[in-house]
């Protein structure tokens, strides 16, 4: 059960972060018609934060780093080494890092940029759920 849940969470996180990465590099418009309306970035919401300094770590979009994280989760599940030591502790540490980063970015969204980005909060929630699943294993 937890393997399927981890896979679904990582897949959802990967899709969200791919969308953010695509907007960040201007490969697609934030309000592209083919994006479901509940996911589209408005000009005064998510689209504004994609280009802020806090949306990048060492010049790399946070969403691109998230894509690598979610892909690593899927590969770890596929290769069945996600829960084997020492890989388990590596995944758990990386997941904890995403939770701390998510707390900082959520604080930034709420109190600094004052933007209500549903997709951002969803991805931070996904990261927390992944961490908790890994923690209870």
C-alpha atoms as a PDB file:
ATOM      1  CA  UNK A   1       0.000   0.000   0.000  1.00  0.00           C
ATOM      2  CA  UNK A   2       2.690   2.532   0.942  1.00  0.00           C
ATOM      3  CA  UNK A   3       4.618   1.750  -2.255  1.00  0.00           C
ATOM      4  CA  UNK A   4       1.616   2.648  -4.432  1.00  0.00           C
ATOM      5  CA  UNK A   5       0.929   5.757  -2.338  1.00  0.00           C
ATOM      6  CA  UNK A   6       4.549   6.874  -2.651  1.00  0.00           C
ATOM      7  CA  UNK A   7       4.415   6.288  -6.392  1.00  0.00           C
ATOM      8  CA  UNK A   8       1.214   8.333  -6.807  1.00  0.00           C
ATOM      9  CA  UNK A   9       2.532  11.163  -4.626  1.00  0.00           C
ATOM     10  CA  UNK A  10       5.833  11.260  -6.525  1.00  0.00           C
ATOM     11  CA  UNK A  11       4.013  11.198  -9.865  1.00  0.00           C
ATOM     12  CA  UNK A  12       1.742  14.083  -8.831  1.00  0.00           C
ATOM     13  CA  UNK A  13       4.708  16.042  -7.480  1.00  0.00           C
ATOM     14  CA  UNK A  14       6.649  15.399 -10.675  1.00  0.00           C
ATOM     15  CA  UNK A  15       3.781  16.708 -12.824  1.00  0.00           C
ATOM     16  CA  UNK A  16       3.393  19.868 -10.724  1.00  0.00           C
ATOM     17  CA  UNK A  17       7.136  20.540 -10.703  1.00  0.00           C
ATOM     18  CA  UNK A  18       7.346  19.912 -14.456  1.00  0.00           C
ATOM     19  CA  UNK A  19       4.681  22.563 -14.984  1.00  0.00           C
ATOM     20  CA  UNK A  20       6.582  25.027 -12.769  1.00  0.00           C
ATOM     21  CA  UNK A  21       9.877  24.247 -14.521  1.00  0.00           C
ATOM     22  CA  UNK A  22       8.272  24.745 -17.932  1.00  0.00           C
ATOM     23  CA  UNK A  23       6.895  28.126 -16.888  1.00  0.00           C
ATOM     24  CA  UNK A  24      10.188  29.076 -15.236  1.00  0.00           C
ATOM     25  CA  UNK A  25      12.119  28.475 -18.442  1.00  0.00           C
ATOM     26  CA  UNK A  26       9.283  30.076 -20.457  1.00  0.00           C
ATOM     27  CA  UNK A  27       8.680  26.889 -22.448  1.00  0.00           C
ATOM     28  CA  UNK A  28       4.946  27.300 -21.834  1.00  0.00           C
ATOM     29  CA  UNK A  29       2.687  30.140 -20.776  1.00  0.00           C
ATOM     30  CA  UNK A  30       1.392  29.972 -17.190  1.00  0.00           C
ATOM     31  CA  UNK A  31      -2.189  30.222 -18.465  1.00  0.00           C
ATOM     32  CA  UNK A  32      -1.929  27.778 -21.390  1.00  0.00           C
ATOM     33  CA  UNK A  33      -5.412  26.689 -22.465  1.00  0.00           C
ATOM     34  CA  UNK A  34      -4.572  22.969 -22.300  1.00  0.00           C
ATOM     35  CA  UNK A  35      -3.678  23.224 -18.584  1.00  0.00           C
ATOM     36  CA  UNK A  36      -6.717  22.398 -16.381  1.00  0.00           C
ATOM     37  CA  UNK A  37      -8.171  25.621 -14.991  1.00  0.00           C
ATOM     38  CA  UNK A  38      -7.588  24.629 -11.344  1.00  0.00           C
ATOM     39  CA  UNK A  39      -3.868  24.296 -12.124  1.00  0.00           C
ATOM     40  CA  UNK A  40      -3.364  27.400 -14.251  1.00  0.00           C
ATOM     41  CA  UNK A  41      -1.123  30.036 -12.759  1.00  0.00           C
ATOM     42  CA  UNK A  42      -2.736  33.433 -12.570  1.00  0.00           C
ATOM     43  CA  UNK A  43      -0.738  36.587 -13.186  1.00  0.00           C
ATOM     44  CA  UNK A  44      -1.162  37.640  -9.547  1.00  0.00           C
ATOM     45  CA  UNK A  45      -0.597  34.205  -8.050  1.00  0.00           C
ATOM     46  CA  UNK A  46       1.816  31.400  -8.888  1.00  0.00           C
ATOM     47  CA  UNK A  47       3.168  33.010 -12.059  1.00  0.00           C
ATOM     48  CA  UNK A  48       4.600  35.900 -10.036  1.00  0.00           C
ATOM     49  CA  UNK A  49       6.567  33.714  -7.656  1.00  0.00           C
ATOM     50  CA  UNK A  50       8.196  31.494 -10.278  1.00  0.00           C
ATOM     51  CA  UNK A  51      10.575  34.333 -11.103  1.00  0.00           C
ATOM     52  CA  UNK A  52      11.440  35.441  -7.557  1.00  0.00           C
ATOM     53  CA  UNK A  53      14.886  34.763  -6.072  1.00  0.00           C
ATOM     54  CA  UNK A  54      13.359  32.315  -3.558  1.00  0.00           C
ATOM     55  CA  UNK A  55      12.136  30.160  -6.463  1.00  0.00           C
ATOM     56  CA  UNK A  56      15.746  29.263  -7.279  1.00  0.00           C
ATOM     57  CA  UNK A  57      18.558  27.555  -5.426  1.00  0.00           C
ATOM     58  CA  UNK A  58      22.020  28.445  -6.754  1.00  0.00           C
ATOM     59  CA  UNK A  59      20.401  29.667  -9.977  1.00  0.00           C
ATOM     60  CA  UNK A  60      18.493  26.430 -10.555  1.00  0.00           C
ATOM     61  CA  UNK A  61      14.680  26.495 -10.308  1.00  0.00           C
ATOM     62  CA  UNK A  62      13.437  24.730  -7.175  1.00  0.00           C
ATOM     63  CA  UNK A  63      10.970  22.912  -9.391  1.00  0.00           C
ATOM     64  CA  UNK A  64      13.776  21.349 -11.430  1.00  0.00           C
ATOM     65  CA  UNK A  65      15.382  20.063  -8.240  1.00  0.00           C
ATOM     66  CA  UNK A  66      11.977  18.734  -7.211  1.00  0.00           C
ATOM     67  CA  UNK A  67      11.719  16.835 -10.490  1.00  0.00           C
ATOM     68  CA  UNK A  68      14.972  15.035  -9.666  1.00  0.00           C
ATOM     69  CA  UNK A  69      13.703  14.265  -6.152  1.00  0.00           C
ATOM     70  CA  UNK A  70      10.407  12.802  -7.369  1.00  0.00           C
ATOM     71  CA  UNK A  71      12.146  10.844 -10.135  1.00  0.00           C
ATOM     72  CA  UNK A  72      14.567   9.422  -7.549  1.00  0.00           C
ATOM     73  CA  UNK A  73      11.616   8.271  -5.435  1.00  0.00           C
ATOM     74  CA  UNK A  74      10.093   6.468  -8.431  1.00  0.00           C
ATOM     75  CA  UNK A  75      13.427   4.895  -9.420  1.00  0.00           C
ATOM     76  CA  UNK A  76      13.994   3.794  -5.834  1.00  0.00           C
ATOM     77  CA  UNK A  77      10.583   2.147  -5.766  1.00  0.00           C
ATOM     78  CA  UNK A  78      11.118   0.544  -9.163  1.00  0.00           C
ATOM     79  CA  UNK A  79      14.550  -0.822  -8.291  1.00  0.00           C
ATOM     80  CA  UNK A  80      13.333  -1.834  -4.818  1.00  0.00           C
ATOM     81  CA  UNK A  81      16.187  -0.148  -2.960  1.00  0.00           C
ATOM     82  CA  UNK A  82      14.201   2.740  -1.536  1.00  0.00           C
ATOM     83  CA  UNK A  83      13.668   0.932   1.757  1.00  0.00           C
ATOM     84  CA  UNK A  84      17.039  -0.812   1.946  1.00  0.00           C
ATOM     85  CA  UNK A  85      19.853   0.577   4.053  1.00  0.00           C
ATOM     86  CA  UNK A  86      21.807   2.892   3.453  1.00  0.00           C
ATOM     87  CA  UNK A  87      19.562   4.129   0.629  1.00  0.00           C
ATOM     88  CA  UNK A  88      16.654   4.444   3.031  1.00  0.00           C
ATOM     89  CA  UNK A  89      18.534   7.008   5.123  1.00  0.00           C
ATOM     90  CA  UNK A  90      19.574   8.905   2.004  1.00  0.00           C
ATOM     91  CA  UNK A  91      15.962   9.109   0.831  1.00  0.00           C
ATOM     92  CA  UNK A  92      14.744   9.994   4.319  1.00  0.00           C
ATOM     93  CA  UNK A  93      17.345  12.774   4.619  1.00  0.00           C
ATOM     94  CA  UNK A  94      16.508  14.186   1.195  1.00  0.00           C
ATOM     95  CA  UNK A  95      12.826  14.039   2.053  1.00  0.00           C
ATOM     96  CA  UNK A  96      13.391  15.841   5.357  1.00  0.00           C
ATOM     97  CA  UNK A  97      15.280  18.527   3.454  1.00  0.00           C
ATOM     98  CA  UNK A  98      12.264  19.019   1.156  1.00  0.00           C
ATOM     99  CA  UNK A  99      10.036  19.423   4.212  1.00  0.00           C
ATOM    100  CA  UNK A 100      12.265  22.111   5.731  1.00  0.00           C
ATOM    101  CA  UNK A 101      12.537  23.873   2.380  1.00  0.00           C
ATOM    102  CA  UNK A 102       8.753  23.650   2.043  1.00  0.00           C
ATOM    103  CA  UNK A 103       8.280  25.265   5.451  1.00  0.00           C
ATOM    104  CA  UNK A 104      10.545  28.142   4.459  1.00  0.00           C
ATOM    105  CA  UNK A 105       8.863  28.560   1.079  1.00  0.00           C
ATOM    106  CA  UNK A 106       5.385  28.398   2.646  1.00  0.00           C
ATOM    107  CA  UNK A 107       6.396  31.105   5.107  1.00  0.00           C
ATOM    108  CA  UNK A 108       7.701  33.118   2.170  1.00  0.00           C
ATOM    109  CA  UNK A 109       4.455  32.669   0.245  1.00  0.00           C
ATOM    110  CA  UNK A 110       2.264  33.626   3.175  1.00  0.00           C
ATOM    111  CA  UNK A 111       4.205  36.493   4.717  1.00  0.00           C
ATOM    112  CA  UNK A 112       6.736  37.865   2.211  1.00  0.00           C
ATOM    113  CA  UNK A 113       5.221  37.631  -1.254  1.00  0.00           C
ATOM    114  CA  UNK A 114       1.661  37.201   0.076  1.00  0.00           C
ATOM    115  CA  UNK A 115       0.669  34.903  -2.762  1.00  0.00           C
ATOM    116  CA  UNK A 116      -1.836  32.087  -2.384  1.00  0.00           C
ATOM    117  CA  UNK A 117      -0.363  29.440  -4.673  1.00  0.00           C
ATOM    118  CA  UNK A 118      -2.466  26.276  -4.445  1.00  0.00           C
ATOM    119  CA  UNK A 119       0.016  24.260  -6.489  1.00  0.00           C
ATOM    120  CA  UNK A 120       2.906  25.342  -4.259  1.00  0.00           C
ATOM    121  CA  UNK A 121       1.069  24.340  -1.103  1.00  0.00           C
ATOM    122  CA  UNK A 122       0.008  21.084  -2.751  1.00  0.00           C
ATOM    123  CA  UNK A 123       3.596  20.200  -3.599  1.00  0.00           C
ATOM    124  CA  UNK A 124       4.746  21.080  -0.071  1.00  0.00           C
ATOM    125  CA  UNK A 125       1.989  18.818   1.257  1.00  0.00           C
ATOM    126  CA  UNK A 126       3.133  16.035  -1.077  1.00  0.00           C
ATOM    127  CA  UNK A 127       6.677  16.398   0.263  1.00  0.00           C
ATOM    128  CA  UNK A 128       5.427  16.172   3.840  1.00  0.00           C
ATOM    129  CA  UNK A 129       3.337  13.083   3.037  1.00  0.00           C
ATOM    130  CA  UNK A 130       6.317  11.391   1.355  1.00  0.00           C
ATOM    131  CA  UNK A 131       8.475  12.133   4.389  1.00  0.00           C
ATOM    132  CA  UNK A 132       5.890  10.750   6.827  1.00  0.00           C
ATOM    133  CA  UNK A 133       5.462   7.561   4.787  1.00  0.00           C
ATOM    134  CA  UNK A 134       9.218   7.071   4.670  1.00  0.00           C
ATOM    135  CA  UNK A 135       9.482   7.802   8.387  1.00  0.00           C
ATOM    136  CA  UNK A 136       6.955   5.164   9.473  1.00  0.00           C
ATOM    137  CA  UNK A 137       8.522   2.406   7.354  1.00  0.00           C
END
